[in-house]
Every structure is written in structure tokens, then in C-alpha cells.
Amino acid sequence: MADEIIVLITASRQEEAALIGKTLVNERLAACVNIVSDVRSIFTWEGKVQDDSETLLIVKSRIPLLDQVTIRVKSLHSYTVPEIIALPIIGGSADYLKWLRGATRT
């Protein structure tokens, strides 16, 4: 079974997103991180509906690294409860997925 995943993380600012992304790639917890600016997020926090602009990180990683990714993101993140959601990659370019496995820790 394939163990490649996409991890979605939101951050309050581009600078915070860049720090998280660079750290995950430098530490080989992720092969690649895309940063998408100006994502509008509507959510409930502390009993109130919030409508905020955030930055989205799309992280390519592997299941065995998810706990380490989560710990590292929480250590760098400004939110009390950061969004860290992992989704399986069910298919894709064999060459890309091979590169992803090779670019992350074993």
C-alpha cells in the first residue's frame, strides 16, 4: 500500500507559512510544500463564527512522517489549534511519487 499523503495546514500569515514550509522541507519531513495566499476561511472558534484570510500550505509527505510533521508544525505555529489534516494520495505520476519518497526521510 502506498504511504504518500497530502497534509493541509493553514497559517495566519505568509511569513509563518514560509517558515513552516521551509522547515518541513529542510528537515525532509516533506518533499514539497505549496503555499497558497489569500484563502478565505469561515469557521467557528470559541463559539463565534470567524471569517478570516489565511495562507494554505499543501504539504507532500508520507504516513510514517505524519506524527513528526504534526509536532514540528505545532512547535512553529502561532495558532493554539492549527489545522493539520492528512489526506491519502491514491494515485499520480509514478516518477513524481518515487521522487516524493526519495526526498523524505526513511
PDB file of N, CA and C in Angstrom:
ATOM      1  N   MET A   1       0.837  -1.196   0.000  1.00  0.00           N
ATOM      2  CA  MET A   1       0.000   0.000   0.000  1.00  0.00           C
ATOM      3  C   MET A   1       0.876   1.251   0.000  1.00  0.00           C
ATOM      4  N   ALA A   2       0.504   2.220  -0.796  1.00  0.00           N
ATOM      5  CA  ALA A   2       1.249   3.480  -0.880  1.00  0.00           C
ATOM      6  C   ALA A   2       1.089   4.267   0.410  1.00  0.00           C
ATOM      7  N   ASP A   3       2.129   4.986   0.781  1.00  0.00           N
ATOM      8  CA  ASP A   3       2.059   5.764   2.023  1.00  0.00           C
ATOM      9  C   ASP A   3       2.197   7.269   1.805  1.00  0.00           C
ATOM     10  N   GLU A   4       2.063   7.722   0.561  1.00  0.00           N
ATOM     11  CA  GLU A   4       2.178   9.143   0.278  1.00  0.00           C
ATOM     12  C   GLU A   4       0.901   9.867   0.699  1.00  0.00           C
ATOM     13  N   ILE A   5       1.070  11.061   1.251  1.00  0.00           N
ATOM     14  CA  ILE A   5      -0.064  11.853   1.736  1.00  0.00           C
ATOM     15  C   ILE A   5       0.092  13.316   1.347  1.00  0.00           C
ATOM     16  N   ILE A   6      -1.035  14.011   1.369  1.00  0.00           N
ATOM     17  CA  ILE A   6      -1.088  15.467   1.291  1.00  0.00           C
ATOM     18  C   ILE A   6      -1.527  15.947   2.674  1.00  0.00           C
ATOM     19  N   VAL A   7      -0.809  16.886   3.243  1.00  0.00           N
ATOM     20  CA  VAL A   7      -1.178  17.463   4.534  1.00  0.00           C
ATOM     21  C   VAL A   7      -1.567  18.912   4.280  1.00  0.00           C
ATOM     22  N   LEU A   8      -2.781  19.268   4.695  1.00  0.00           N
ATOM     23  CA  LEU A   8      -3.260  20.640   4.569  1.00  0.00           C
ATOM     24  C   LEU A   8      -3.076  21.358   5.895  1.00  0.00           C
ATOM     25  N   ILE A   9      -2.469  22.525   5.831  1.00  0.00           N
ATOM     26  CA  ILE A   9      -2.195  23.338   7.018  1.00  0.00           C
ATOM     27  C   ILE A   9      -2.544  24.775   6.668  1.00  0.00           C
ATOM     28  N   THR A  10      -3.243  25.462   7.546  1.00  0.00           N
ATOM     29  CA  THR A  10      -3.473  26.893   7.340  1.00  0.00           C
ATOM     30  C   THR A  10      -2.620  27.678   8.324  1.00  0.00           C
ATOM     31  N   ALA A  11      -2.218  28.859   7.903  1.00  0.00           N
ATOM     32  CA  ALA A  11      -1.419  29.756   8.734  1.00  0.00           C
ATOM     33  C   ALA A  11      -2.000  31.159   8.646  1.00  0.00           C
ATOM     34  N   SER A  12      -1.685  31.971   9.639  1.00  0.00           N
ATOM     35  CA  SER A  12      -2.246  33.324   9.684  1.00  0.00           C
ATOM     36  C   SER A  12      -1.573  34.289   8.711  1.00  0.00           C
ATOM     37  N   ARG A  13      -0.313  34.009   8.372  1.00  0.00           N
ATOM     38  CA  ARG A  13       0.450  34.933   7.534  1.00  0.00           C
ATOM     39  C   ARG A  13       1.343  34.158   6.567  1.00  0.00           C
ATOM     40  N   GLN A  14       1.707  34.801   5.478  1.00  0.00           N
ATOM     41  CA  GLN A  14       2.618  34.169   4.513  1.00  0.00           C
ATOM     42  C   GLN A  14       3.975  33.861   5.126  1.00  0.00           C
ATOM     43  N   GLU A  15       4.455  34.764   5.971  1.00  0.00           N
ATOM     44  CA  GLU A  15       5.776  34.559   6.584  1.00  0.00           C
ATOM     45  C   GLU A  15       5.776  33.303   7.456  1.00  0.00           C
ATOM     46  N   GLU A  16       4.710  33.110   8.210  1.00  0.00           N
ATOM     47  CA  GLU A  16       4.605  31.912   9.046  1.00  0.00           C
ATOM     48  C   GLU A  16       4.522  30.662   8.166  1.00  0.00           C
ATOM     49  N   ALA A  17       3.736  30.724   7.097  1.00  0.00           N
ATOM     50  CA  ALA A  17       3.620  29.605   6.178  1.00  0.00           C
ATOM     51  C   ALA A  17       4.976  29.265   5.551  1.00  0.00           C
ATOM     52  N   ALA A  18       5.725  30.277   5.141  1.00  0.00           N
ATOM     53  CA  ALA A  18       7.044  30.053   4.543  1.00  0.00           C
ATOM     54  C   ALA A  18       7.999  29.412   5.537  1.00  0.00           C
ATOM     55  N   LEU A  19       7.980  29.870   6.782  1.00  0.00           N
ATOM     56  CA  LEU A  19       8.837  29.280   7.816  1.00  0.00           C
ATOM     57  C   LEU A  19       8.492  27.802   8.003  1.00  0.00           C
ATOM     58  N   ILE A  20       7.218  27.498   8.117  1.00  0.00           N
ATOM     59  CA  ILE A  20       6.796  26.109   8.295  1.00  0.00           C
ATOM     60  C   ILE A  20       7.189  25.280   7.080  1.00  0.00           C
ATOM     61  N   GLY A  21       6.893  25.786   5.884  1.00  0.00           N
ATOM     62  CA  GLY A  21       7.213  25.048   4.671  1.00  0.00           C
ATOM     63  C   GLY A  21       8.697  24.780   4.514  1.00  0.00           C
ATOM     64  N   LYS A  22       9.508  25.799   4.693  1.00  0.00           N
ATOM     65  CA  LYS A  22      10.963  25.623   4.561  1.00  0.00           C
ATOM     66  C   LYS A  22      11.501  24.661   5.606  1.00  0.00           C
ATOM     67  N   THR A  23      10.985  24.739   6.825  1.00  0.00           N
ATOM     68  CA  THR A  23      11.439  23.837   7.891  1.00  0.00           C
ATOM     69  C   THR A  23      11.104  22.391   7.548  1.00  0.00           C
ATOM     70  N   LEU A  24       9.874  22.133   7.106  1.00  0.00           N
ATOM     71  CA  LEU A  24       9.475  20.764   6.781  1.00  0.00           C
ATOM     72  C   LEU A  24      10.317  20.191   5.645  1.00  0.00           C
ATOM     73  N   VAL A  25      10.606  20.997   4.628  1.00  0.00           N
ATOM     74  CA  VAL A  25      11.421  20.522   3.513  1.00  0.00           C
ATOM     75  C   VAL A  25      12.877  20.360   3.943  1.00  0.00           C
ATOM     76  N   ASN A  26      13.425  21.340   4.660  1.00  0.00           N
ATOM     77  CA  ASN A  26      14.820  21.238   5.120  1.00  0.00           C
ATOM     78  C   ASN A  26      15.053  20.031   6.004  1.00  0.00           C
ATOM     79  N   GLU A  27      14.060  19.674   6.815  1.00  0.00           N
ATOM     80  CA  GLU A  27      14.193  18.530   7.725  1.00  0.00           C
ATOM     81  C   GLU A  27      13.726  17.229   7.078  1.00  0.00           C
ATOM     82  N   ARG A  28      13.412  17.279   5.786  1.00  0.00           N
ATOM     83  CA  ARG A  28      12.984  16.124   4.990  1.00  0.00           C
ATOM     84  C   ARG A  28      11.727  15.462   5.545  1.00  0.00           C
ATOM     85  N   LEU A  29      10.896  16.259   6.215  1.00  0.00           N
ATOM     86  CA  LEU A  29       9.584  15.778   6.653  1.00  0.00           C
ATOM     87  C   LEU A  29       8.566  15.933   5.531  1.00  0.00           C
ATOM     88  N   ALA A  30       8.914  16.731   4.534  1.00  0.00           N
ATOM     89  CA  ALA A  30       8.089  16.933   3.348  1.00  0.00           C
ATOM     90  C   ALA A  30       9.002  17.012   2.134  1.00  0.00           C
ATOM     91  N   ALA A  31       8.498  16.526   1.009  1.00  0.00           N
ATOM     92  CA  ALA A  31       9.254  16.633  -0.241  1.00  0.00           C
ATOM     93  C   ALA A  31       9.033  17.986  -0.891  1.00  0.00           C
ATOM     94  N   CYS A  32       7.835  18.531  -0.722  1.00  0.00           N
ATOM     95  CA  CYS A  32       7.449  19.781  -1.368  1.00  0.00           C
ATOM     96  C   CYS A  32       6.321  20.416  -0.572  1.00  0.00           C
ATOM     97  N   VAL A  33       6.314  21.735  -0.531  1.00  0.00           N
ATOM     98  CA  VAL A  33       5.217  22.475   0.098  1.00  0.00           C
ATOM     99  C   VAL A  33       4.803  23.593  -0.850  1.00  0.00           C
ATOM    100  N   ASN A  34       3.536  23.596  -1.221  1.00  0.00           N
ATOM    101  CA  ASN A  34       2.973  24.708  -1.990  1.00  0.00           C
ATOM    102  C   ASN A  34       2.306  25.657  -1.010  1.00  0.00           C
ATOM    103  N   ILE A  35       2.450  26.951  -1.238  1.00  0.00           N
ATOM    104  CA  ILE A  35       1.841  27.960  -0.380  1.00  0.00           C
ATOM    105  C   ILE A  35       0.860  28.764  -1.222  1.00  0.00           C
ATOM    106  N   VAL A  36      -0.393  28.758  -0.785  1.00  0.00           N
ATOM    107  CA  VAL A  36      -1.465  29.442  -1.496  1.00  0.00           C
ATOM    108  C   VAL A  36      -1.917  30.625  -0.638  1.00  0.00           C
ATOM    109  N   SER A  37      -1.763  31.818  -1.163  1.00  0.00           N
ATOM    110  CA  SER A  37      -2.101  33.035  -0.419  1.00  0.00           C
ATOM    111  C   SER A  37      -3.586  33.344  -0.489  1.00  0.00           C
ATOM    112  N   ASP A  38      -4.020  34.154   0.469  1.00  0.00           N
ATOM    113  CA  ASP A  38      -5.360  34.739   0.470  1.00  0.00           C
ATOM    114  C   ASP A  38      -6.488  33.709   0.350  1.00  0.00           C
ATOM    115  N   VAL A  39      -6.426  32.711   1.202  1.00  0.00           N
ATOM    116  CA  VAL A  39      -7.509  31.738   1.303  1.00  0.00           C
ATOM    117  C   VAL A  39      -8.501  32.304   2.316  1.00  0.00           C
ATOM    118  N   ARG A  40      -9.756  32.351   1.945  1.00  0.00           N
ATOM    119  CA  ARG A  40     -10.775  32.833   2.870  1.00  0.00           C
ATOM    120  C   ARG A  40     -11.305  31.648   3.664  1.00  0.00           C
ATOM    121  N   SER A  41     -11.202  31.728   4.982  1.00  0.00           N
ATOM    122  CA  SER A  41     -11.639  30.656   5.865  1.00  0.00           C
ATOM    123  C   SER A  41     -12.795  31.132   6.732  1.00  0.00           C
ATOM    124  N   ILE A  42     -13.866  30.379   6.724  1.00  0.00           N
ATOM    125  CA  ILE A  42     -15.024  30.647   7.574  1.00  0.00           C
ATOM    126  C   ILE A  42     -15.163  29.448   8.504  1.00  0.00           C
ATOM    127  N   PHE A  43     -15.104  29.708   9.810  1.00  0.00           N
ATOM    128  CA  PHE A  43     -15.075  28.621  10.781  1.00  0.00           C
ATOM    129  C   PHE A  43     -15.604  29.109  12.126  1.00  0.00           C
ATOM    130  N   THR A  44     -15.897  28.175  12.988  1.00  0.00           N
ATOM    131  CA  THR A  44     -16.325  28.510  14.343  1.00  0.00           C
ATOM    132  C   THR A  44     -15.139  28.365  15.279  1.00  0.00           C
ATOM    133  N   TRP A  45     -14.898  29.396  16.074  1.00  0.00           N
ATOM    134  CA  TRP A  45     -13.825  29.348  17.072  1.00  0.00           C
ATOM    135  C   TRP A  45     -14.338  30.015  18.333  1.00  0.00           C
ATOM    136  N   GLU A  46     -14.226  29.301  19.441  1.00  0.00           N
ATOM    137  CA  GLU A  46     -14.666  29.793  20.747  1.00  0.00           C
ATOM    138  C   GLU A  46     -16.098  30.316  20.686  1.00  0.00           C
ATOM    139  N   GLY A  47     -16.978  29.559  20.000  1.00  0.00           N
ATOM    140  CA  GLY A  47     -18.395  29.862  19.961  1.00  0.00           C
ATOM    141  C   GLY A  47     -18.823  30.954  19.002  1.00  0.00           C
ATOM    142  N   LYS A  48     -17.887  31.497  18.227  1.00  0.00           N
ATOM    143  CA  LYS A  48     -18.219  32.565  17.286  1.00  0.00           C
ATOM    144  C   LYS A  48     -17.792  32.175  15.879  1.00  0.00           C
ATOM    145  N   VAL A  49     -18.595  32.576  14.900  1.00  0.00           N
ATOM    146  CA  VAL A  49     -18.234  32.356  13.505  1.00  0.00           C
ATOM    147  C   VAL A  49     -17.183  33.390  13.116  1.00  0.00           C
ATOM    148  N   GLN A  50     -16.080  32.906  12.581  1.00  0.00           N
ATOM    149  CA  GLN A  50     -14.971  33.750  12.142  1.00  0.00           C
ATOM    150  C   GLN A  50     -14.930  33.761  10.613  1.00  0.00           C
ATOM    151  N   ASP A  51     -14.464  34.849  10.030  1.00  0.00           N
ATOM    152  CA  ASP A  51     -14.298  34.987   8.593  1.00  0.00           C
ATOM    153  C   ASP A  51     -12.953  35.671   8.398  1.00  0.00           C
ATOM    154  N   ASP A  52     -11.916  34.877   8.125  1.00  0.00           N
ATOM    155  CA  ASP A  52     -10.546  35.395   8.100  1.00  0.00           C
ATOM    156  C   ASP A  52      -9.822  35.026   6.823  1.00  0.00           C
ATOM    157  N   SER A  53      -8.816  35.812   6.500  1.00  0.00           N
ATOM    158  CA  SER A  53      -7.899  35.500   5.423  1.00  0.00           C
ATOM    159  C   SER A  53      -6.747  34.690   6.009  1.00  0.00           C
ATOM    160  N   GLU A  54      -6.421  33.586   5.367  1.00  0.00           N
ATOM    161  CA  GLU A  54      -5.317  32.743   5.824  1.00  0.00           C
ATOM    162  C   GLU A  54      -4.455  32.353   4.631  1.00  0.00           C
ATOM    163  N   THR A  55      -3.375  31.676   4.911  1.00  0.00           N
ATOM    164  CA  THR A  55      -2.491  31.126   3.895  1.00  0.00           C
ATOM    165  C   THR A  55      -2.531  29.609   4.033  1.00  0.00           C
ATOM    166  N   LEU A  56      -2.682  28.915   2.906  1.00  0.00           N
ATOM    167  CA  LEU A  56      -2.803  27.459   2.904  1.00  0.00           C
ATOM    168  C   LEU A  56      -1.490  26.819   2.475  1.00  0.00           C
ATOM    169  N   LEU A  57      -1.044  25.839   3.243  1.00  0.00           N
ATOM    170  CA  LEU A  57       0.109  25.028   2.860  1.00  0.00           C
ATOM    171  C   LEU A  57      -0.406  23.677   2.379  1.00  0.00           C
ATOM    172  N   ILE A  58       0.090  23.239   1.220  1.00  0.00           N
ATOM    173  CA  ILE A  58      -0.207  21.920   0.689  1.00  0.00           C
ATOM    174  C   ILE A  58       1.112  21.144   0.742  1.00  0.00           C
ATOM    175  N   VAL A  59       1.183  20.215   1.680  1.00  0.00           N
ATOM    176  CA  VAL A  59       2.426  19.534   2.016  1.00  0.00           C
ATOM    177  C   VAL A  59       2.399  18.111   1.452  1.00  0.00           C
ATOM    178  N   LYS A  60       3.438  17.740   0.700  1.00  0.00           N
ATOM    179  CA  LYS A  60       3.556  16.367   0.205  1.00  0.00           C
ATOM    180  C   LYS A  60       4.515  15.619   1.124  1.00  0.00           C
ATOM    181  N   SER A  61       4.005  14.549   1.737  1.00  0.00           N
ATOM    182  CA  SER A  61       4.798  13.803   2.710  1.00  0.00           C
ATOM    183  C   SER A  61       4.393  12.333   2.666  1.00  0.00           C
ATOM    184  N   ARG A  62       4.691  11.618   3.759  1.00  0.00           N
ATOM    185  CA  ARG A  62       4.376  10.194   3.858  1.00  0.00           C
ATOM    186  C   ARG A  62       3.788   9.888   5.236  1.00  0.00           C
ATOM    187  N   ILE A  63       2.934   8.872   5.296  1.00  0.00           N
ATOM    188  CA  ILE A  63       2.258   8.496   6.534  1.00  0.00           C
ATOM    189  C   ILE A  63       3.227   8.298   7.704  1.00  0.00           C
ATOM    190  N   PRO A  64       4.363   7.600   7.515  1.00  0.00           N
ATOM    191  CA  PRO A  64       5.256   7.401   8.673  1.00  0.00           C
ATOM    192  C   PRO A  64       5.809   8.699   9.270  1.00  0.00           C
ATOM    193  N   LEU A  65       5.736   9.796   8.521  1.00  0.00           N
ATOM    194  CA  LEU A  65       6.269  11.075   8.992  1.00  0.00           C
ATOM    195  C   LEU A  65       5.209  11.991   9.584  1.00  0.00           C
ATOM    196  N   LEU A  66       3.936  11.590   9.524  1.00  0.00           N
ATOM    197  CA  LEU A  66       2.847  12.481   9.922  1.00  0.00           C
ATOM    198  C   LEU A  66       2.953  12.945  11.367  1.00  0.00           C
ATOM    199  N   ASP A  67       3.269  12.064  12.291  1.00  0.00           N
ATOM    200  CA  ASP A  67       3.402  12.480  13.697  1.00  0.00           C
ATOM    201  C   ASP A  67       4.506  13.515  13.858  1.00  0.00           C
ATOM    202  N   GLN A  68       5.629  13.314  13.163  1.00  0.00           N
ATOM    203  CA  GLN A  68       6.738  14.264  13.242  1.00  0.00           C
ATOM    204  C   GLN A  68       6.364  15.597  12.587  1.00  0.00           C
ATOM    205  N   VAL A  69       5.652  15.527  11.476  1.00  0.00           N
ATOM    206  CA  VAL A  69       5.176  16.749  10.817  1.00  0.00           C
ATOM    207  C   VAL A  69       4.282  17.528  11.784  1.00  0.00           C
ATOM    208  N   THR A  70       3.354  16.827  12.418  1.00  0.00           N
ATOM    209  CA  THR A  70       2.419  17.465  13.345  1.00  0.00           C
ATOM    210  C   THR A  70       3.156  18.137  14.497  1.00  0.00           C
ATOM    211  N   ILE A  71       4.090  17.445  15.100  1.00  0.00           N
ATOM    212  CA  ILE A  71       4.865  18.001  16.222  1.00  0.00           C
ATOM    213  C   ILE A  71       5.644  19.234  15.768  1.00  0.00           C
ATOM    214  N   ARG A  72       6.272  19.142  14.605  1.00  0.00           N
ATOM    215  CA  ARG A  72       7.094  20.260  14.121  1.00  0.00           C
ATOM    216  C   ARG A  72       6.230  21.471  13.789  1.00  0.00           C
ATOM    217  N   VAL A  73       5.091  21.240  13.137  1.00  0.00           N
ATOM    218  CA  VAL A  73       4.201  22.350  12.802  1.00  0.00           C
ATOM    219  C   VAL A  73       3.713  23.027  14.076  1.00  0.00           C
ATOM    220  N   LYS A  74       3.286  22.249  15.064  1.00  0.00           N
ATOM    221  CA  LYS A  74       2.805  22.835  16.315  1.00  0.00           C
ATOM    222  C   LYS A  74       3.894  23.655  17.007  1.00  0.00           C
ATOM    223  N   SER A  75       5.156  23.255  16.863  1.00  0.00           N
ATOM    224  CA  SER A  75       6.253  23.993  17.515  1.00  0.00           C
ATOM    225  C   SER A  75       6.502  25.348  16.840  1.00  0.00           C
ATOM    226  N   LEU A  76       6.101  25.496  15.584  1.00  0.00           N
ATOM    227  CA  LEU A  76       6.355  26.724  14.823  1.00  0.00           C
ATOM    228  C   LEU A  76       5.126  27.601  14.656  1.00  0.00           C
ATOM    229  N   HIS A  77       3.950  27.058  14.906  1.00  0.00           N
ATOM    230  CA  HIS A  77       2.690  27.702  14.553  1.00  0.00           C
ATOM    231  C   HIS A  77       2.208  28.664  15.632  1.00  0.00           C
ATOM    232  N   SER A  78       1.546  29.735  15.207  1.00  0.00           N
ATOM    233  CA  SER A  78       1.026  30.725  16.156  1.00  0.00           C
ATOM    234  C   SER A  78      -0.358  30.357  16.695  1.00  0.00           C
ATOM    235  N   TYR A  79      -1.070  29.456  16.025  1.00  0.00           N
ATOM    236  CA  TYR A  79      -2.406  29.083  16.476  1.00  0.00           C
ATOM    237  C   TYR A  79      -2.346  28.110  17.650  1.00  0.00           C
ATOM    238  N   THR A  80      -3.309  28.206  18.542  1.00  0.00           N
ATOM    239  CA  THR A  80      -3.442  27.247  19.639  1.00  0.00           C
ATOM    240  C   THR A  80      -3.772  25.859  19.098  1.00  0.00           C
ATOM    241  N   VAL A  81      -4.661  25.830  18.098  1.00  0.00           N
ATOM    242  CA  VAL A  81      -5.080  24.567  17.475  1.00  0.00           C
ATOM    243  C   VAL A  81      -4.929  24.716  15.957  1.00  0.00           C
ATOM    244  N   PRO A  82      -3.725  24.494  15.425  1.00  0.00           N
ATOM    245  CA  PRO A  82      -3.544  24.651  13.986  1.00  0.00           C
ATOM    246  C   PRO A  82      -4.239  23.529  13.209  1.00  0.00           C
ATOM    247  N   GLU A  83      -4.726  23.871  12.024  1.00  0.00           N
ATOM    248  CA  GLU A  83      -5.277  22.858  11.131  1.00  0.00           C
ATOM    249  C   GLU A  83      -4.130  22.038  10.563  1.00  0.00           C
ATOM    250  N   ILE A  84      -4.178  20.738  10.808  1.00  0.00           N
ATOM    251  CA  ILE A  84      -3.216  19.789  10.240  1.00  0.00           C
ATOM    252  C   ILE A  84      -4.045  18.568   9.855  1.00  0.00           C
ATOM    253  N   ILE A  85      -4.356  18.438   8.568  1.00  0.00           N
ATOM    254  CA  ILE A  85      -5.236  17.379   8.077  1.00  0.00           C
ATOM    255  C   ILE A  85      -4.505  16.610   6.984  1.00  0.00           C
ATOM    256  N   ALA A  86      -4.419  15.296   7.132  1.00  0.00           N
ATOM    257  CA  ALA A  86      -3.742  14.459   6.142  1.00  0.00           C
ATOM    258  C   ALA A  86      -4.753  13.717   5.278  1.00  0.00           C
ATOM    259  N   LEU A  87      -4.481  13.710   3.978  1.00  0.00           N
ATOM    260  CA  LEU A  87      -5.306  13.009   3.006  1.00  0.00           C
ATOM    261  C   LEU A  87      -4.417  12.050   2.218  1.00  0.00           C
ATOM    262  N   PRO A  88      -4.905  10.847   1.915  1.00  0.00           N
ATOM    263  CA  PRO A  88      -4.083   9.915   1.134  1.00  0.00           C
ATOM    264  C   PRO A  88      -3.978  10.353  -0.318  1.00  0.00           C
ATOM    265  N   ILE A  89      -2.833  10.078  -0.910  1.00  0.00           N
ATOM    266  CA  ILE A  89      -2.669  10.232  -2.347  1.00  0.00           C
ATOM    267  C   ILE A  89      -2.997   8.860  -2.940  1.00  0.00           C
ATOM    268  N   ILE A  90      -4.046   8.790  -3.715  1.00  0.00           N
ATOM    269  CA  ILE A  90      -4.484   7.493  -4.222  1.00  0.00           C
ATOM    270  C   ILE A  90      -3.909   7.159  -5.588  1.00  0.00           C
ATOM    271  N   GLY A  91      -3.208   8.094  -6.180  1.00  0.00           N
ATOM    272  CA  GLY A  91      -2.586   7.851  -7.470  1.00  0.00           C
ATOM    273  C   GLY A  91      -1.859   9.079  -7.942  1.00  0.00           C
ATOM    274  N   GLY A  92      -1.148   8.928  -9.042  1.00  0.00           N
ATOM    275  CA  GLY A  92      -0.406  10.050  -9.601  1.00  0.00           C
ATOM    276  C   GLY A  92       0.728   9.550 -10.463  1.00  0.00           C
ATOM    277  N   SER A  93       1.533  10.468 -10.919  1.00  0.00           N
ATOM    278  CA  SER A  93       2.696  10.134 -11.733  1.00  0.00           C
ATOM    279  C   SER A  93       3.652   9.255 -10.924  1.00  0.00           C
ATOM    280  N   ALA A  94       3.972   8.080 -11.467  1.00  0.00           N
ATOM    281  CA  ALA A  94       4.889   7.165 -10.774  1.00  0.00           C
ATOM    282  C   ALA A  94       6.241   7.835 -10.524  1.00  0.00           C
ATOM    283  N   ASP A  95       6.714   8.618 -11.485  1.00  0.00           N
ATOM    284  CA  ASP A  95       8.001   9.305 -11.323  1.00  0.00           C
ATOM    285  C   ASP A  95       7.940  10.321 -10.187  1.00  0.00           C
ATOM    286  N   TYR A  96       6.845  11.066 -10.116  1.00  0.00           N
ATOM    287  CA  TYR A  96       6.693  12.068  -9.051  1.00  0.00           C
ATOM    288  C   TYR A  96       6.621  11.388  -7.690  1.00  0.00           C
ATOM    289  N   LEU A  97       5.830  10.336  -7.581  1.00  0.00           N
ATOM    290  CA  LEU A  97       5.685   9.650  -6.288  1.00  0.00           C
ATOM    291  C   LEU A  97       7.004   9.002  -5.858  1.00  0.00           C
ATOM    292  N   LYS A  98       7.772   8.507  -6.810  1.00  0.00           N
ATOM    293  CA  LYS A  98       9.101   7.964  -6.490  1.00  0.00           C
ATOM    294  C   LYS A  98      10.006   9.079  -5.962  1.00  0.00           C
ATOM    295  N   TRP A  99       9.952  10.247  -6.623  1.00  0.00           N
ATOM    296  CA  TRP A  99      10.742  11.389  -6.158  1.00  0.00           C
ATOM    297  C   TRP A  99      10.318  11.787  -4.741  1.00  0.00           C
ATOM    298  N   LEU A 100       8.993  11.846  -4.487  1.00  0.00           N
ATOM    299  CA  LEU A 100       8.472  12.212  -3.158  1.00  0.00           C
ATOM    300  C   LEU A 100       9.044  11.287  -2.091  1.00  0.00           C
ATOM    301  N   ARG A 101       9.036   9.982  -2.347  1.00  0.00           N
ATOM    302  CA  ARG A 101       9.573   9.021  -1.372  1.00  0.00           C
ATOM    303  C   ARG A 101      11.051   9.248  -1.142  1.00  0.00           C
ATOM    304  N   GLY A 102      11.782   9.532  -2.230  1.00  0.00           N
ATOM    305  CA  GLY A 102      13.230   9.737  -2.114  1.00  0.00           C
ATOM    306  C   GLY A 102      13.624  11.052  -1.447  1.00  0.00           C
ATOM    307  N   ALA A 103      12.730  12.041  -1.495  1.00  0.00           N
ATOM    308  CA  ALA A 103      13.037  13.367  -0.950  1.00  0.00           C
ATOM    309  C   ALA A 103      12.662  13.498   0.534  1.00  0.00           C
ATOM    310  N   THR A 104      12.052  12.458   1.101  1.00  0.00           N
ATOM    311  CA  THR A 104      11.665  12.497   2.512  1.00  0.00           C
ATOM    312  C   THR A 104      12.465  11.458   3.289  1.00  0.00           C
ATOM    313  N   ARG A 105      12.468  11.637   4.601  1.00  0.00           N
ATOM    314  CA  ARG A 105      13.172  10.706   5.491  1.00  0.00           C
ATOM    315  C   ARG A 105      12.659   9.288   5.317  1.00  0.00           C
ATOM    316  N   THR A 106      13.534   8.340   5.563  1.00  0.00           N
ATOM    317  CA  THR A 106      13.107   6.933   5.520  1.00  0.00           C
ATOM    318  C   THR A 106      12.884   6.410   6.926  1.00  0.00           C
TER     319      THR A 106
END
